[in-house]
């Protein structure tokens, strides 16, 4: 009578095969996780861009639509300047003066909200004024504004944004 011994452990070949299969599975899972990270980063960048575009559009729209004074537009070669008094305020200023301009240093589109109307050529007035300034976008390529009748047309180009062109109705 022969006794057959029961197998109580894995053989070396079985262990090696399972290690190879686990390595293949981990490589596949790692590739999937990296792909998801890349897609998530693209999504976050796109969401930030859309948020910036929406913020610029909302600020310009509300400022111009709720203007309580005439809208002053100064034209230059690539950048225009908008100055107005409005009921829209981010900083809880009652009927603030708003100034949109592009800085010479870094071509940033800046929105200034202040108690008094500002002129950029008067540095003493700017240093003594109570104001808030927000950078809306950097590396602005062009910022053009025109007013025809009851509409203000704005064209904005910056590398970080898609080109924006929109018309905003005025109440004046």
Protein backbone atom coordinates (compact mmCIF):
# COMPACT_ATOMS: atom_id res chain seq x y z
CA UNK A 1 0.00 0.00 0.00
CA UNK A 2 1.39 3.27 -1.07
CA UNK A 3 0.90 6.38 0.88
CA UNK A 4 0.47 9.54 -1.08
CA UNK A 5 1.61 12.65 0.66
CA UNK A 6 -0.67 15.64 0.55
CA UNK A 7 0.75 18.81 -0.91
CA UNK A 8 1.09 21.35 1.92
CA UNK A 9 2.93 24.26 0.26
CA UNK A 10 3.38 26.10 -3.02
CA UNK A 11 6.19 25.11 -5.26
CA UNK A 12 8.85 27.62 -6.24
CA UNK A 13 7.45 27.89 -9.77
CA UNK A 14 3.96 28.70 -8.48
CA UNK A 15 5.35 31.46 -6.26
CA UNK A 16 7.35 32.95 -9.15
CA UNK A 17 4.32 32.89 -11.45
CA UNK A 18 2.16 34.65 -8.84
CA UNK A 19 4.87 37.33 -8.33
CA UNK A 20 5.06 37.95 -12.09
CA UNK A 21 1.25 38.20 -12.34
CA UNK A 22 1.14 40.65 -9.40
CA UNK A 23 3.88 42.73 -11.06
CA UNK A 24 1.88 42.90 -14.29
CA UNK A 25 -1.28 43.88 -12.39
CA UNK A 26 0.53 46.60 -10.38
CA UNK A 27 2.09 48.00 -13.55
CA UNK A 28 -1.35 48.20 -15.17
CA UNK A 29 -2.90 49.82 -12.06
CA UNK A 30 0.00 52.32 -11.85
CA UNK A 31 -0.53 53.29 -15.51
CA UNK A 32 -4.24 53.83 -14.91
CA UNK A 33 -3.63 55.96 -11.81
CA UNK A 34 -1.09 58.15 -13.65
CA UNK A 35 -3.53 58.59 -16.53
CA UNK A 36 -6.24 59.67 -14.08
CA UNK A 37 -3.84 62.16 -12.44
CA UNK A 38 -3.00 63.71 -15.82
CA UNK A 39 -6.68 63.99 -16.74
CA UNK A 40 -7.48 65.50 -13.34
CA UNK A 41 -4.73 68.13 -13.75
CA UNK A 42 -6.07 69.05 -17.20
CA UNK A 43 -9.57 69.31 -15.77
CA UNK A 44 -8.38 71.57 -12.92
CA UNK A 45 -6.50 73.85 -15.36
CA UNK A 46 -9.58 74.11 -17.60
CA UNK A 47 -11.81 74.77 -14.59
CA UNK A 48 -9.48 77.57 -13.44
CA UNK A 49 -9.55 79.11 -16.91
CA UNK A 50 -13.33 78.95 -17.08
CA UNK A 51 -13.56 80.45 -13.59
CA UNK A 52 -11.25 83.33 -14.59
CA UNK A 53 -13.20 83.99 -17.79
CA UNK A 54 -16.51 83.93 -15.91
CA UNK A 55 -15.16 86.24 -13.19
CA UNK A 56 -13.94 88.80 -15.74
CA UNK A 57 -17.20 88.66 -17.67
CA UNK A 58 -19.32 89.00 -14.50
CA UNK A 59 -17.32 91.94 -13.15
CA UNK A 60 -17.35 93.85 -16.42
CA UNK A 61 -21.03 93.08 -17.00
CA UNK A 62 -22.17 94.15 -13.54
CA UNK A 63 -19.96 97.25 -13.45
CA UNK A 64 -21.17 98.49 -16.84
CA UNK A 65 -24.81 97.42 -16.47
CA UNK A 66 -25.08 99.16 -13.09
CA UNK A 67 -23.16 102.29 -14.11
CA UNK A 68 -24.47 105.49 -12.53
CA UNK A 69 -22.28 107.82 -14.59
CA UNK A 70 -21.15 108.09 -18.16
CA UNK A 71 -18.56 105.53 -19.12
CA UNK A 72 -15.24 107.13 -20.00
CA UNK A 73 -13.12 105.19 -22.49
CA UNK A 74 -9.53 106.19 -23.31
CA UNK A 75 -8.00 104.55 -26.37
CA UNK A 76 -4.38 103.53 -26.85
CA UNK A 77 -2.58 101.33 -29.37
CA UNK A 78 -3.28 97.91 -27.79
CA UNK A 79 -4.98 98.71 -24.51
CA UNK A 80 -7.93 100.85 -23.62
CA UNK A 81 -8.92 102.26 -20.26
CA UNK A 82 -12.44 102.29 -18.80
CA UNK A 83 -13.50 104.61 -16.01
CA UNK A 84 -16.98 104.75 -14.51
CA UNK A 85 -19.04 105.07 -11.36
CA UNK A 86 -21.28 102.09 -10.59
CA UNK A 87 -23.52 100.52 -7.99
CA UNK A 88 -21.62 97.23 -8.20
CA UNK A 89 -18.99 96.77 -5.50
CA UNK A 90 -16.92 93.79 -4.44
CA UNK A 91 -15.66 95.59 -1.33
CA UNK A 92 -18.90 97.08 -0.01
CA UNK A 93 -18.10 100.62 -1.18
CA UNK A 94 -21.24 102.63 -1.90
CA UNK A 95 -21.23 103.81 -5.54
CA UNK A 96 -17.53 103.14 -6.13
CA UNK A 97 -15.45 104.52 -8.94
CA UNK A 98 -14.16 101.71 -11.14
CA UNK A 99 -11.11 101.82 -13.36
CA UNK A 100 -10.04 99.03 -15.73
CA UNK A 101 -6.57 99.32 -17.25
CA UNK A 102 -3.64 97.20 -18.40
CA UNK A 103 -0.41 97.72 -16.45
CA UNK A 104 2.76 98.53 -18.37
CA UNK A 105 4.97 96.31 -16.22
CA UNK A 106 3.41 92.87 -16.75
CA UNK A 107 0.45 93.60 -19.07
CA UNK A 108 -1.98 92.63 -16.32
CA UNK A 109 -5.62 93.63 -16.67
CA UNK A 110 -6.40 95.38 -13.40
CA UNK A 111 -9.72 96.45 -11.87
CA UNK A 112 -9.47 99.27 -9.33
CA UNK A 113 -12.36 100.08 -7.01
CA UNK A 114 -12.09 103.36 -5.07
CA UNK A 115 -14.03 106.10 -3.32
CA UNK A 116 -12.76 108.80 -5.67
CA UNK A 117 -12.26 108.86 -9.42
CA UNK A 118 -8.62 108.10 -10.22
CA UNK A 119 -6.35 109.35 -12.97
CA UNK A 120 -3.33 107.18 -13.65
CA UNK A 121 -1.10 110.15 -14.47
CA UNK A 122 -1.47 111.59 -10.94
CA UNK A 123 0.73 109.36 -8.74
CA UNK A 124 0.19 111.52 -5.65
CA UNK A 125 -3.58 111.00 -5.86
CA UNK A 126 -3.13 107.22 -6.25
CA UNK A 127 -0.86 106.94 -3.20
CA UNK A 128 -3.31 108.91 -1.04
CA UNK A 129 -6.50 107.28 -2.31
CA UNK A 130 -8.45 104.54 -0.57
CA UNK A 131 -8.66 101.83 -3.18
CA UNK A 132 -8.75 98.11 -3.88
CA UNK A 133 -7.05 96.62 -6.93
CA UNK A 134 -7.61 93.17 -8.40
CA UNK A 135 -5.53 91.52 -11.12
CA UNK A 136 -8.01 89.83 -13.47
CA UNK A 137 -5.50 88.31 -15.89
CA UNK A 138 -1.82 88.60 -16.69
CA UNK A 139 -0.02 88.86 -20.03
CA UNK A 140 -2.91 90.68 -21.68
CA UNK A 141 -2.33 90.87 -25.43
CA UNK A 142 -5.15 93.30 -26.19
CA UNK A 143 -7.97 95.05 -24.34
CA UNK A 144 -10.22 97.09 -26.60
CA UNK A 145 -13.42 98.85 -25.61
CA UNK A 146 -15.94 100.78 -27.67
CA UNK A 147 -19.34 102.25 -26.96
CA UNK A 148 -22.07 102.51 -29.55
CA UNK A 149 -25.47 103.68 -28.40
CA UNK A 150 -26.64 101.67 -25.41
CA UNK A 151 -23.98 98.96 -25.74
CA UNK A 152 -20.36 98.67 -24.69
CA UNK A 153 -18.31 96.18 -26.71
CA UNK A 154 -15.25 94.65 -25.06
CA UNK A 155 -12.54 92.55 -26.70
CA UNK A 156 -9.96 90.85 -24.51
CA UNK A 157 -7.08 88.54 -25.48
CA UNK A 158 -4.65 86.83 -23.13
CA UNK A 159 -2.71 83.56 -23.50
CA UNK A 160 -4.34 82.07 -20.42
CA UNK A 161 -7.87 82.78 -21.69
CA UNK A 162 -9.75 82.12 -24.88
CA UNK A 163 -10.40 85.36 -26.80
CA UNK A 164 -13.38 87.14 -25.27
CA UNK A 165 -15.71 89.46 -27.16
CA UNK A 166 -18.98 90.56 -25.63
CA UNK A 167 -21.52 93.37 -25.69
CA UNK A 168 -22.95 94.75 -22.47
CA UNK A 169 -26.07 96.93 -22.41
CA UNK A 170 -25.81 100.16 -20.43
CA UNK A 171 -28.54 101.86 -18.45
CA UNK A 172 -27.37 105.41 -19.32
